[in-house]
PDB file of N, CA and C in Angstrom:
ATOM      1  N   MET A   1      92.342  95.367 120.474  1.00  0.00           N
ATOM      2  CA  MET A   1      92.054  94.664 121.690  1.00  0.00           C
ATOM      3  C   MET A   1      92.566  93.236 121.541  1.00  0.00           C
ATOM      4  N   VAL A   2      93.241  92.722 122.522  1.00  0.00           N
ATOM      5  CA  VAL A   2      93.802  91.380 122.467  1.00  0.00           C
ATOM      6  C   VAL A   2      93.220  90.541 123.592  1.00  0.00           C
ATOM      7  N   ILE A   3      92.842  89.332 123.252  1.00  0.00           N
ATOM      8  CA  ILE A   3      92.292  88.397 124.218  1.00  0.00           C
ATOM      9  C   ILE A   3      93.275  87.232 124.326  1.00  0.00           C
ATOM     10  N   PHE A   4      93.609  86.819 125.549  1.00  0.00           N
ATOM     11  CA  PHE A   4      94.514  85.695 125.739  1.00  0.00           C
ATOM     12  C   PHE A   4      93.700  84.460 126.066  1.00  0.00           C
ATOM     13  N   LYS A   5      94.055  83.344 125.423  1.00  0.00           N
ATOM     14  CA  LYS A   5      93.371  82.087 125.666  1.00  0.00           C
ATOM     15  C   LYS A   5      94.363  81.070 126.208  1.00  0.00           C
ATOM     16  N   ASN A   6      93.900  80.195 127.064  1.00  0.00           N
ATOM     17  CA  ASN A   6      94.730  79.140 127.595  1.00  0.00           C
ATOM     18  C   ASN A   6      94.460  77.884 126.779  1.00  0.00           C
ATOM     19  N   PHE A   7      95.512  77.333 126.178  1.00  0.00           N
ATOM     20  CA  PHE A   7      95.377  76.172 125.321  1.00  0.00           C
ATOM     21  C   PHE A   7      96.456  75.180 125.719  1.00  0.00           C
ATOM     22  N   PHE A   8      96.080  74.052 126.303  1.00  0.00           N
ATOM     23  CA  PHE A   8      97.015  73.048 126.778  1.00  0.00           C
ATOM     24  C   PHE A   8      98.073  73.643 127.694  1.00  0.00           C
ATOM     25  N   GLY A   9      97.656  74.515 128.599  1.00  0.00           N
ATOM     26  CA  GLY A   9      98.551  75.052 129.596  1.00  0.00           C
ATOM     27  C   GLY A   9      99.446  76.184 129.140  1.00  0.00           C
ATOM     28  N   THR A  10      99.305  76.636 127.891  1.00  0.00           N
ATOM     29  CA  THR A  10     100.130  77.736 127.402  1.00  0.00           C
ATOM     30  C   THR A  10      99.239  78.892 126.995  1.00  0.00           C
ATOM     31  N   SER A  11      99.792  80.088 127.019  1.00  0.00           N
ATOM     32  CA  SER A  11      99.040  81.265 126.572  1.00  0.00           C
ATOM     33  C   SER A  11      99.183  81.398 125.073  1.00  0.00           C
ATOM     34  N   ARG A  12      98.089  81.558 124.402  1.00  0.00           N
ATOM     35  CA  ARG A  12      98.114  81.839 122.971  1.00  0.00           C
ATOM     36  C   ARG A  12      97.327  83.119 122.755  1.00  0.00           C
ATOM     37  N   GLU A  13      97.827  83.937 121.871  1.00  0.00           N
ATOM     38  CA  GLU A  13      97.226  85.233 121.622  1.00  0.00           C
ATOM     39  C   GLU A  13      96.235  85.125 120.467  1.00  0.00           C
ATOM     40  N   SER A  14      95.075  85.707 120.634  1.00  0.00           N
ATOM     41  CA  SER A  14      94.068  85.726 119.587  1.00  0.00           C
ATOM     42  C   SER A  14      93.526  87.141 119.488  1.00  0.00           C
ATOM     43  N   GLU A  15      93.683  87.752 118.358  1.00  0.00           N
ATOM     44  CA  GLU A  15      93.252  89.141 118.205  1.00  0.00           C
ATOM     45  C   GLU A  15      91.822  89.232 117.730  1.00  0.00           C
ATOM     46  N   ILE A  16      91.105  90.171 118.288  1.00  0.00           N
ATOM     47  CA  ILE A  16      89.804  90.555 117.784  1.00  0.00           C
ATOM     48  C   ILE A  16      90.051  91.861 117.029  1.00  0.00           C
ATOM     49  N   MET A  17      89.844  91.826 115.724  1.00  0.00           N
ATOM     50  CA  MET A  17      90.176  92.984 114.903  1.00  0.00           C
ATOM     51  C   MET A  17      89.085  94.040 114.978  1.00  0.00           C
ATOM     52  N   THR A  18      89.523  95.285 115.113  1.00  0.00           N
ATOM     53  CA  THR A  18      88.586  96.396 115.217  1.00  0.00           C
ATOM     54  C   THR A  18      88.733  97.378 114.065  1.00  0.00           C
ATOM     55  N   THR A  19      89.745  97.184 113.200  1.00  0.00           N
ATOM     56  CA  THR A  19      89.913  98.099 112.072  1.00  0.00           C
ATOM     57  C   THR A  19      89.862  97.332 110.758  1.00  0.00           C
ATOM     58  N   ALA A  20      89.411  98.017 109.733  1.00  0.00           N
ATOM     59  CA  ALA A  20      89.326  97.420 108.407  1.00  0.00           C
ATOM     60  C   ALA A  20      90.713  97.028 107.898  1.00  0.00           C
ATOM     61  N   ILE A  21      91.715  97.836 108.202  1.00  0.00           N
ATOM     62  CA  ILE A  21      93.081  97.525 107.749  1.00  0.00           C
ATOM     63  C   ILE A  21      93.559  96.219 108.383  1.00  0.00           C
ATOM     64  N   ASP A  22      93.300  96.029 109.669  1.00  0.00           N
ATOM     65  CA  ASP A  22      93.684  94.770 110.327  1.00  0.00           C
ATOM     66  C   ASP A  22      92.981  93.578 109.677  1.00  0.00           C
ATOM     67  N   LEU A  23      91.698  93.731 109.387  1.00  0.00           N
ATOM     68  CA  LEU A  23      90.923  92.656 108.785  1.00  0.00           C
ATOM     69  C   LEU A  23      91.479  92.291 107.410  1.00  0.00           C
ATOM     70  N   ALA A  24      91.736  93.278 106.576  1.00  0.00           N
ATOM     71  CA  ALA A  24      92.254  93.022 105.235  1.00  0.00           C
ATOM     72  C   ALA A  24      93.670  92.461 105.284  1.00  0.00           C
ATOM     73  N   THR A  25      94.497  92.991 106.168  1.00  0.00           N
ATOM     74  CA  THR A  25      95.873  92.515 106.288  1.00  0.00           C
ATOM     75  C   THR A  25      95.899  91.057 106.732  1.00  0.00           C
ATOM     76  N   THR A  26      95.052  90.711 107.673  1.00  0.00           N
ATOM     77  CA  THR A  26      94.985  89.329 108.144  1.00  0.00           C
ATOM     78  C   THR A  26      94.516  88.403 107.028  1.00  0.00           C
ATOM     79  N   ALA A  27      93.506  88.812 106.288  1.00  0.00           N
ATOM     80  CA  ALA A  27      93.027  87.996 105.168  1.00  0.00           C
ATOM     81  C   ALA A  27      94.134  87.809 104.134  1.00  0.00           C
ATOM     82  N   ALA A  28      94.882  88.853 103.857  1.00  0.00           N
ATOM     83  CA  ALA A  28      95.969  88.763 102.879  1.00  0.00           C
ATOM     84  C   ALA A  28      97.025  87.760 103.317  1.00  0.00           C
ATOM     85  N   ARG A  29      97.263  87.654 104.607  1.00  0.00           N
ATOM     86  CA  ARG A  29      98.260  86.693 105.113  1.00  0.00           C
ATOM     87  C   ARG A  29      97.868  85.247 104.826  1.00  0.00           C
ATOM     88  N   PHE A  30      96.575  84.974 104.674  1.00  0.00           N
ATOM     89  CA  PHE A  30      96.121  83.616 104.405  1.00  0.00           C
ATOM     90  C   PHE A  30      96.384  83.184 102.963  1.00  0.00           C
ATOM     91  N   ALA A  31      96.599  84.109 102.069  1.00  0.00           N
ATOM     92  CA  ALA A  31      96.806  83.768 100.661  1.00  0.00           C
ATOM     93  C   ALA A  31      98.099  82.979 100.501  1.00  0.00           C
ATOM     94  N   SER A  32      98.017  81.855  99.820  1.00  0.00           N
ATOM     95  CA  SER A  32      99.205  81.026  99.654  1.00  0.00           C
ATOM     96  C   SER A  32     100.093  81.512  98.515  1.00  0.00           C
ATOM     97  N   ASN A  33      99.552  82.295  97.606  1.00  0.00           N
ATOM     98  CA  ASN A  33     100.333  82.826  96.498  1.00  0.00           C
ATOM     99  C   ASN A  33     100.152  84.346  96.461  1.00  0.00           C
ATOM    100  N   LYS A  34     101.080  85.053  97.063  1.00  0.00           N
ATOM    101  CA  LYS A  34     100.971  86.518  97.187  1.00  0.00           C
ATOM    102  C   LYS A  34     100.966  87.221  95.832  1.00  0.00           C
ATOM    103  N   THR A  35     101.568  86.625  94.809  1.00  0.00           N
ATOM    104  CA  THR A  35     101.570  87.297  93.506  1.00  0.00           C
ATOM    105  C   THR A  35     100.163  87.412  92.934  1.00  0.00           C
ATOM    106  N   ASP A  36      99.272  86.501  93.324  1.00  0.00           N
ATOM    107  CA  ASP A  36      97.888  86.580  92.856  1.00  0.00           C
ATOM    108  C   ASP A  36      97.162  87.801  93.399  1.00  0.00           C
ATOM    109  N   ILE A  37      97.602  88.284  94.558  1.00  0.00           N
ATOM    110  CA  ILE A  37      96.890  89.391  95.199  1.00  0.00           C
ATOM    111  C   ILE A  37      97.724  90.671  95.264  1.00  0.00           C
ATOM    112  N   GLU A  38      98.833  90.724  94.529  1.00  0.00           N
ATOM    113  CA  GLU A  38      99.711  91.897  94.567  1.00  0.00           C
ATOM    114  C   GLU A  38      99.002  93.233  94.358  1.00  0.00           C
ATOM    115  N   PRO A  39      98.103  93.345  93.372  1.00  0.00           N
ATOM    116  CA  PRO A  39      97.432  94.648  93.202  1.00  0.00           C
ATOM    117  C   PRO A  39      96.658  95.078  94.447  1.00  0.00           C
ATOM    118  N   LEU A  40      96.043  94.128  95.121  1.00  0.00           N
ATOM    119  CA  LEU A  40      95.294  94.445  96.337  1.00  0.00           C
ATOM    120  C   LEU A  40      96.234  94.813  97.476  1.00  0.00           C
ATOM    121  N   LEU A  41      97.354  94.114  97.573  1.00  0.00           N
ATOM    122  CA  LEU A  41      98.341  94.444  98.603  1.00  0.00           C
ATOM    123  C   LEU A  41      98.905  95.840  98.395  1.00  0.00           C
ATOM    124  N   HIS A  42      99.118  96.205  97.149  1.00  0.00           N
ATOM    125  CA  HIS A  42      99.629  97.545  96.843  1.00  0.00           C
ATOM    126  C   HIS A  42      98.610  98.611  97.267  1.00  0.00           C
ATOM    127  N   GLU A  43      97.350  98.402  96.901  1.00  0.00           N
ATOM    128  CA  GLU A  43      96.292  99.344  97.299  1.00  0.00           C
ATOM    129  C   GLU A  43      96.200  99.466  98.813  1.00  0.00           C
ATOM    130  N   LEU A  44      96.247  98.330  99.488  1.00  0.00           N
ATOM    131  CA  LEU A  44      96.161  98.325 100.944  1.00  0.00           C
ATOM    132  C   LEU A  44      97.346  99.059 101.560  1.00  0.00           C
ATOM    133  N   SER A  45      98.505  98.851 101.000  1.00  0.00           N
ATOM    134  CA  SER A  45      99.708  99.539 101.482  1.00  0.00           C
ATOM    135  C   SER A  45      99.593 101.053 101.319  1.00  0.00           C
ATOM    136  N   MET A  46      99.058 101.490 100.208  1.00  0.00           N
ATOM    137  CA  MET A  46      98.888 102.929  99.967  1.00  0.00           C
ATOM    138  C   MET A  46      97.934 103.543 100.994  1.00  0.00           C
ATOM    139  N   ILE A  47      96.848 102.871 101.272  1.00  0.00           N
ATOM    140  CA  ILE A  47      95.885 103.382 102.254  1.00  0.00           C
ATOM    141  C   ILE A  47      96.500 103.359 103.656  1.00  0.00           C
ATOM    142  N   SER A  48      97.185 102.276 103.987  1.00  0.00           N
ATOM    143  CA  SER A  48      97.821 102.163 105.304  1.00  0.00           C
ATOM    144  C   SER A  48      98.858 103.250 105.528  1.00  0.00           C
ATOM    145  N   SER A  49      99.568 103.614 104.477  1.00  0.00           N
ATOM    146  CA  SER A  49     100.617 104.629 104.623  1.00  0.00           C
ATOM    147  C   SER A  49     100.033 106.009 104.925  1.00  0.00           C
ATOM    148  N   ARG A  50      98.788 106.233 104.548  1.00  0.00           N
ATOM    149  CA  ARG A  50      98.133 107.521 104.839  1.00  0.00           C
ATOM    150  C   ARG A  50      97.608 107.594 106.272  1.00  0.00           C
ATOM    151  N   ALA A  51      97.420 106.456 106.890  1.00  0.00           N
ATOM    152  CA  ALA A  51      96.831 106.411 108.232  1.00  0.00           C
ATOM    153  C   ALA A  51      97.892 106.678 109.294  1.00  0.00           C
ATOM    154  N   SER A  52      97.534 107.483 110.258  1.00  0.00           N
ATOM    155  CA  SER A  52      98.413 107.715 111.402  1.00  0.00           C
ATOM    156  C   SER A  52      98.308 106.530 112.343  1.00  0.00           C
ATOM    157  N   PRO A  53      99.412 106.126 112.959  1.00  0.00           N
ATOM    158  CA  PRO A  53      99.353 105.002 113.902  1.00  0.00           C
ATOM    159  C   PRO A  53      98.341 105.266 115.023  1.00  0.00           C
ATOM    160  N   GLY A  54      97.452 104.314 115.228  1.00  0.00           N
ATOM    161  CA  GLY A  54      96.464 104.439 116.291  1.00  0.00           C
ATOM    162  C   GLY A  54      95.265 105.301 115.951  1.00  0.00           C
ATOM    163  N   ALA A  55      95.288 105.979 114.808  1.00  0.00           N
ATOM    164  CA  ALA A  55      94.174 106.855 114.428  1.00  0.00           C
ATOM    165  C   ALA A  55      93.215 106.104 113.509  1.00  0.00           C
ATOM    166  N   LEU A  56      91.975 106.545 113.501  1.00  0.00           N
ATOM    167  CA  LEU A  56      90.990 105.967 112.606  1.00  0.00           C
ATOM    168  C   LEU A  56      91.229 106.478 111.192  1.00  0.00           C
ATOM    169  N   ILE A  57      90.939 105.629 110.208  1.00  0.00           N
ATOM    170  CA  ILE A  57      91.053 106.073 108.828  1.00  0.00           C
ATOM    171  C   ILE A  57      89.745 106.760 108.432  1.00  0.00           C
ATOM    172  N   SER A  58      89.793 107.498 107.355  1.00  0.00           N
ATOM    173  CA  SER A  58      88.595 108.208 106.903  1.00  0.00           C
ATOM    174  C   SER A  58      87.535 107.200 106.454  1.00  0.00           C
ATOM    175  N   PRO A  59      86.268 107.608 106.464  1.00  0.00           N
ATOM    176  CA  PRO A  59      85.209 106.715 105.985  1.00  0.00           C
ATOM    177  C   PRO A  59      85.445 106.265 104.539  1.00  0.00           C
ATOM    178  N   GLU A  60      85.988 107.144 103.710  1.00  0.00           N
ATOM    179  CA  GLU A  60      86.266 106.788 102.314  1.00  0.00           C
ATOM    180  C   GLU A  60      87.350 105.720 102.242  1.00  0.00           C
ATOM    181  N   ASP A  61      88.403 105.880 103.055  1.00  0.00           N
ATOM    182  CA  ASP A  61      89.466 104.876 103.080  1.00  0.00           C
ATOM    183  C   ASP A  61      88.955 103.554 103.651  1.00  0.00           C
ATOM    184  N   GLU A  62      88.087 103.630 104.658  1.00  0.00           N
ATOM    185  CA  GLU A  62      87.536 102.394 105.214  1.00  0.00           C
ATOM    186  C   GLU A  62      86.736 101.654 104.145  1.00  0.00           C
ATOM    187  N   GLU A  63      85.953 102.368 103.359  1.00  0.00           N
ATOM    188  CA  GLU A  63      85.197 101.729 102.283  1.00  0.00           C
ATOM    189  C   GLU A  63      86.134 101.111 101.248  1.00  0.00           C
ATOM    190  N   ALA A  64      87.223 101.800 100.922  1.00  0.00           N
ATOM    191  CA  ALA A  64      88.199 101.258  99.979  1.00  0.00           C
ATOM    192  C   ALA A  64      88.829  99.983 100.542  1.00  0.00           C
ATOM    193  N   VAL A  65      89.116  99.976 101.835  1.00  0.00           N
ATOM    194  CA  VAL A  65      89.694  98.784 102.466  1.00  0.00           C
ATOM    195  C   VAL A  65      88.663  97.655 102.508  1.00  0.00           C
ATOM    196  N   PHE A  66      87.406  97.974 102.768  1.00  0.00           N
ATOM    197  CA  PHE A  66      86.359  96.950 102.734  1.00  0.00           C
ATOM    198  C   PHE A  66      86.281  96.327 101.344  1.00  0.00           C
ATOM    199  N   ASP A  67      86.398  97.144 100.307  1.00  0.00           N
ATOM    200  CA  ASP A  67      86.376  96.616  98.945  1.00  0.00           C
ATOM    201  C   ASP A  67      87.558  95.674  98.722  1.00  0.00           C
ATOM    202  N   ILE A  68      88.732  96.075  99.178  1.00  0.00           N
ATOM    203  CA  ILE A  68      89.920  95.219  99.077  1.00  0.00           C
ATOM    204  C   ILE A  68      89.683  93.922  99.846  1.00  0.00           C
ATOM    205  N   TYR A  69      89.167  94.042 101.060  1.00  0.00           N
ATOM    206  CA  TYR A  69      88.906  92.852 101.876  1.00  0.00           C
ATOM    207  C   TYR A  69      87.952  91.899 101.157  1.00  0.00           C
ATOM    208  N   LEU A  70      86.869  92.432 100.601  1.00  0.00           N
ATOM    209  CA  LEU A  70      85.892  91.572  99.939  1.00  0.00           C
ATOM    210  C   LEU A  70      86.504  90.855  98.737  1.00  0.00           C
ATOM    211  N   LYS A  71      87.402  91.521  98.036  1.00  0.00           N
ATOM    212  CA  LYS A  71      88.108  90.864  96.922  1.00  0.00           C
ATOM    213  C   LYS A  71      89.042  89.778  97.446  1.00  0.00           C
ATOM    214  N   LEU A  72      89.739  90.063  98.543  1.00  0.00           N
ATOM    215  CA  LEU A  72      90.596  89.045  99.156  1.00  0.00           C
ATOM    216  C   LEU A  72      89.764  87.856  99.642  1.00  0.00           C
ATOM    217  N   GLU A  73      88.648  88.165 100.268  1.00  0.00           N
ATOM    218  CA  GLU A  73      87.759  87.111 100.765  1.00  0.00           C
ATOM    219  C   GLU A  73      87.301  86.224  99.615  1.00  0.00           C
ATOM    220  N   HIS A  74      86.886  86.848  98.527  1.00  0.00           N
ATOM    221  CA  HIS A  74      86.434  86.079  97.364  1.00  0.00           C
ATOM    222  C   HIS A  74      87.571  85.202  96.831  1.00  0.00           C
ATOM    223  N   TYR A  75      88.756  85.757  96.736  1.00  0.00           N
ATOM    224  CA  TYR A  75      89.914  84.991  96.280  1.00  0.00           C
ATOM    225  C   TYR A  75      90.153  83.782  97.197  1.00  0.00           C
ATOM    226  N   LEU A  76      90.135  84.004  98.493  1.00  0.00           N
ATOM    227  CA  LEU A  76      90.392  82.921  99.436  1.00  0.00           C
ATOM    228  C   LEU A  76      89.297  81.860  99.420  1.00  0.00           C
ATOM    229  N   MET A  77      88.080  82.258  99.098  1.00  0.00           N
ATOM    230  CA  MET A  77      86.967  81.315  99.070  1.00  0.00           C
ATOM    231  C   MET A  77      86.884  80.548  97.748  1.00  0.00           C
ATOM    232  N   THR A  78      87.466  81.104  96.682  1.00  0.00           N
ATOM    233  CA  THR A  78      87.260  80.485  95.373  1.00  0.00           C
ATOM    234  C   THR A  78      88.523  80.174  94.576  1.00  0.00           C
ATOM    235  N   ALA A  79      89.631  80.855  94.822  1.00  0.00           N
ATOM    236  CA  ALA A  79      90.759  80.734  93.908  1.00  0.00           C
ATOM    237  C   ALA A  79      92.105  80.397  94.545  1.00  0.00           C
ATOM    238  N   ASP A  80      92.215  80.422  95.847  1.00  0.00           N
ATOM    239  CA  ASP A  80      93.510  80.130  96.451  1.00  0.00           C
ATOM    240  C   ASP A  80      93.901  78.693  96.100  1.00  0.00           C
ATOM    241  N   PRO A  81      95.143  78.495  95.626  1.00  0.00           N
ATOM    242  CA  PRO A  81      95.523  77.160  95.150  1.00  0.00           C
ATOM    243  C   PRO A  81      95.690  76.101  96.239  1.00  0.00           C
ATOM    244  N   LEU A  82      95.892  76.484  97.488  1.00  0.00           N
ATOM    245  CA  LEU A  82      96.162  75.487  98.526  1.00  0.00           C
ATOM    246  C   LEU A  82      95.022  75.223  99.491  1.00  0.00           C
ATOM    247  N   ARG A  83      94.193  76.216  99.742  1.00  0.00           N
ATOM    248  CA  ARG A  83      93.175  76.058 100.770  1.00  0.00           C
ATOM    249  C   ARG A  83      91.957  76.895 100.419  1.00  0.00           C
ATOM    250  N   THR A  84      90.785  76.371 100.718  1.00  0.00           N
ATOM    251  CA  THR A  84      89.550  77.112 100.518  1.00  0.00           C
ATOM    252  C   THR A  84      88.968  77.459 101.883  1.00  0.00           C
ATOM    253  N   PHE A  85      88.654  78.724 102.055  1.00  0.00           N
ATOM    254  CA  PHE A  85      88.069  79.207 103.301  1.00  0.00           C
ATOM    255  C   PHE A  85      86.580  79.404 103.115  1.00  0.00           C
ATOM    256  N   ASP A  86      85.871  79.537 104.218  1.00  0.00           N
ATOM    257  CA  ASP A  86      84.485  79.978 104.114  1.00  0.00           C
ATOM    258  C   ASP A  86      84.379  81.359 104.765  1.00  0.00           C
ATOM    259  N   ARG A  87      83.304  82.041 104.468  1.00  0.00           N
ATOM    260  CA  ARG A  87      83.119  83.428 104.904  1.00  0.00           C
ATOM    261  C   ARG A  87      83.243  83.576 106.426  1.00  0.00           C
ATOM    262  N   ASN A  88      82.631  82.674 107.172  1.00  0.00           N
ATOM    263  CA  ASN A  88      82.682  82.791 108.631  1.00  0.00           C
ATOM    264  C   ASN A  88      84.089  82.593 109.181  1.00  0.00           C
ATOM    265  N   GLN A  89      84.865  81.694 108.580  1.00  0.00           N
ATOM    266  CA  GLN A  89      86.255  81.521 109.013  1.00  0.00           C
ATOM    267  C   GLN A  89      87.023  82.834 108.881  1.00  0.00           C
ATOM    268  N   LEU A  90      86.770  83.543 107.815  1.00  0.00           N
ATOM    269  CA  LEU A  90      87.508  84.770 107.549  1.00  0.00           C
ATOM    270  C   LEU A  90      87.018  85.947 108.377  1.00  0.00           C
ATOM    271  N   ARG A  91      85.762  85.954 108.709  1.00  0.00           N
ATOM    272  CA  ARG A  91      85.188  87.098 109.428  1.00  0.00           C
ATOM    273  C   ARG A  91      85.067  86.880 110.929  1.00  0.00           C
ATOM    274  N   ASN A  92      85.361  85.693 111.427  1.00  0.00           N
ATOM    275  CA  ASN A  92      85.058  85.392 112.821  1.00  0.00           C
ATOM    276  C   ASN A  92      85.891  86.163 113.832  1.00  0.00           C
ATOM    277  N   LYS A  93      86.983  86.773 113.436  1.00  0.00           N
ATOM    278  CA  LYS A  93      87.788  87.540 114.392  1.00  0.00           C
ATOM    279  C   LYS A  93      87.537  89.038 114.306  1.00  0.00           C
ATOM    280  N   ALA A  94      86.590  89.439 113.487  1.00  0.00           N
ATOM    281  CA  ALA A  94      86.230  90.857 113.410  1.00  0.00           C
ATOM    282  C   ALA A  94      85.319  91.204 114.576  1.00  0.00           C
ATOM    283  N   SER A  95      85.535  92.369 115.151  1.00  0.00           N
ATOM    284  CA  SER A  95      84.639  92.813 116.227  1.00  0.00           C
ATOM    285  C   SER A  95      83.233  92.954 115.658  1.00  0.00           C
ATOM    286  N   ARG A  96      82.249  92.957 116.529  1.00  0.00           N
ATOM    287  CA  ARG A  96      80.862  93.098 116.062  1.00  0.00           C
ATOM    288  C   ARG A  96      80.666  94.386 115.271  1.00  0.00           C
ATOM    289  N   GLY A  97      81.247  95.473 115.759  1.00  0.00           N
ATOM    290  CA  GLY A  97      81.096  96.753 115.076  1.00  0.00           C
ATOM    291  C   GLY A  97      81.734  96.747 113.698  1.00  0.00           C
ATOM    292  N   LEU A  98      82.939  96.200 113.605  1.00  0.00           N
ATOM    293  CA  LEU A  98      83.626  96.126 112.317  1.00  0.00           C
ATOM    294  C   LEU A  98      82.862  95.226 111.358  1.00  0.00           C
ATOM    295  N   ARG A  99      82.407  94.095 111.848  1.00  0.00           N
ATOM    296  CA  ARG A  99      81.669  93.175 110.986  1.00  0.00           C
ATOM    297  C   ARG A  99      80.363  93.803 110.496  1.00  0.00           C
ATOM    298  N   SER A 100      79.688  94.524 111.350  1.00  0.00           N
ATOM    299  CA  SER A 100      78.425  95.149 110.915  1.00  0.00           C
ATOM    300  C   SER A 100      78.694  96.256 109.891  1.00  0.00           C
ATOM    301  N   ARG A 101      79.789  97.017 110.057  1.00  0.00           N
ATOM    302  CA  ARG A 101      80.134  98.035 109.050  1.00  0.00           C
ATOM    303  C   ARG A 101      80.496  97.378 107.726  1.00  0.00           C
ATOM    304  N   LEU A 102      81.245  96.279 107.789  1.00  0.00           N
ATOM    305  CA  LEU A 102      81.608  95.546 106.571  1.00  0.00           C
ATOM    306  C   LEU A 102      80.360  95.027 105.868  1.00  0.00           C
ATOM    307  N   GLU A 103      79.466  94.421 106.614  1.00  0.00           N
ATOM    308  CA  GLU A 103      78.257  93.850 106.017  1.00  0.00           C
ATOM    309  C   GLU A 103      77.341  94.934 105.459  1.00  0.00           C
ATOM    310  N   ALA A 104      77.266  96.081 106.118  1.00  0.00           N
ATOM    311  CA  ALA A 104      76.473  97.197 105.588  1.00  0.00           C
ATOM    312  C   ALA A 104      77.086  97.692 104.281  1.00  0.00           C
ATOM    313  N   TYR A 105      78.415  97.813 104.246  1.00  0.00           N
ATOM    314  CA  TYR A 105      79.091  98.226 103.015  1.00  0.00           C
ATOM    315  C   TYR A 105      78.846  97.193 101.915  1.00  0.00           C
ATOM    316  N   GLU A 106      78.971  95.939 102.245  1.00  0.00           N
ATOM    317  CA  GLU A 106      78.801  94.861 101.269  1.00  0.00           C
ATOM    318  C   GLU A 106      77.402  94.892 100.645  1.00  0.00           C
ATOM    319  N   LYS A 107      76.395  95.126 101.469  1.00  0.00           N
ATOM    320  CA  LYS A 107      75.019  95.178 100.969  1.00  0.00           C
ATOM    321  C   LYS A 107      74.779  96.377 100.057  1.00  0.00           C
ATOM    322  N   SER A 108      75.539  97.440 100.262  1.00  0.00           N
ATOM    323  CA  SER A 108      75.323  98.665  99.489  1.00  0.00           C
ATOM    324  C   SER A 108      76.055  98.673  98.143  1.00  0.00           C
ATOM    325  N   GLN A 109      76.865  97.644  97.885  1.00  0.00           N
ATOM    326  CA  GLN A 109      77.706  97.632  96.690  1.00  0.00           C
ATOM    327  C   GLN A 109      77.242  96.596  95.675  1.00  0.00           C
ATOM    328  N   PRO A 110      77.498  96.873  94.393  1.00  0.00           N
ATOM    329  CA  PRO A 110      77.308  95.818  93.401  1.00  0.00           C
ATOM    330  C   PRO A 110      78.365  94.741  93.641  1.00  0.00           C
ATOM    331  N   LEU A 111      78.240  93.616  93.032  1.00  0.00           N
ATOM    332  CA  LEU A 111      79.120  92.492  93.312  1.00  0.00           C
ATOM    333  C   LEU A 111      80.484  92.595  92.629  1.00  0.00           C
ATOM    334  N   THR A 112      81.119  93.761  92.683  1.00  0.00           N
ATOM    335  CA  THR A 112      82.420  93.940  92.038  1.00  0.00           C
ATOM    336  C   THR A 112      83.515  93.144  92.721  1.00  0.00           C
ATOM    337  N   HIS A 113      83.348  92.813  93.991  1.00  0.00           N
ATOM    338  CA  HIS A 113      84.377  92.046  94.693  1.00  0.00           C
ATOM    339  C   HIS A 113      84.434  90.599  94.220  1.00  0.00           C
ATOM    340  N   ASN A 114      83.466  90.166  93.412  1.00  0.00           N
ATOM    341  CA  ASN A 114      83.490  88.806  92.877  1.00  0.00           C
ATOM    342  C   ASN A 114      84.285  88.714  91.582  1.00  0.00           C
ATOM    343  N   GLN A 115      84.851  89.830  91.155  1.00  0.00           N
ATOM    344  CA  GLN A 115      85.670  89.833  89.958  1.00  0.00           C
ATOM    345  C   GLN A 115      87.043  89.271  90.283  1.00  0.00           C
ATOM    346  N   PRO A 116      87.743  88.730  89.272  1.00  0.00           N
ATOM    347  CA  PRO A 116      89.091  88.232  89.542  1.00  0.00           C
ATOM    348  C   PRO A 116      89.988  89.342  90.070  1.00  0.00           C
ATOM    349  N   VAL A 117      90.962  88.976  90.892  1.00  0.00           N
ATOM    350  CA  VAL A 117      91.881  89.922  91.479  1.00  0.00           C
ATOM    351  C   VAL A 117      92.743  90.557  90.396  1.00  0.00           C
ATOM    352  N   ARG A 118      93.261  89.746  89.497  1.00  0.00           N
ATOM    353  CA  ARG A 118      94.131  90.242  88.426  1.00  0.00           C
ATOM    354  C   ARG A 118      93.307  90.492  87.173  1.00  0.00           C
ATOM    355  N   ALA A 119      93.662  91.534  86.453  1.00  0.00           N
ATOM    356  CA  ALA A 119      92.945  91.854  85.208  1.00  0.00           C
ATOM    357  C   ALA A 119      93.504  91.059  84.056  1.00  0.00           C
TER     358      ALA A 119
END
């Protein structure tokens, strides 16, 4: 779903993300050093390649993407060399349904997403 906003007389596009893949992909774009998150990008790419365009991913794949997202979020909040984000900045474009699924998943997991991205 796309919402158009008027900003100083021009149209600017602002997406409200409804899928876990969109959320993780957007978070990955914020990383200033892509080599730091390469393993996560590879995992995300593998899951994305299994998904049919426009189709929902399986619940297992959504959980895997949520795990990737949480690791990306942690990286952006604590380790990105150029900019530090806060949780709300990163999650504010997620639809209510997506955000509630992410938060439910997050509560059900041990804090593995707080581990460094690279081993």
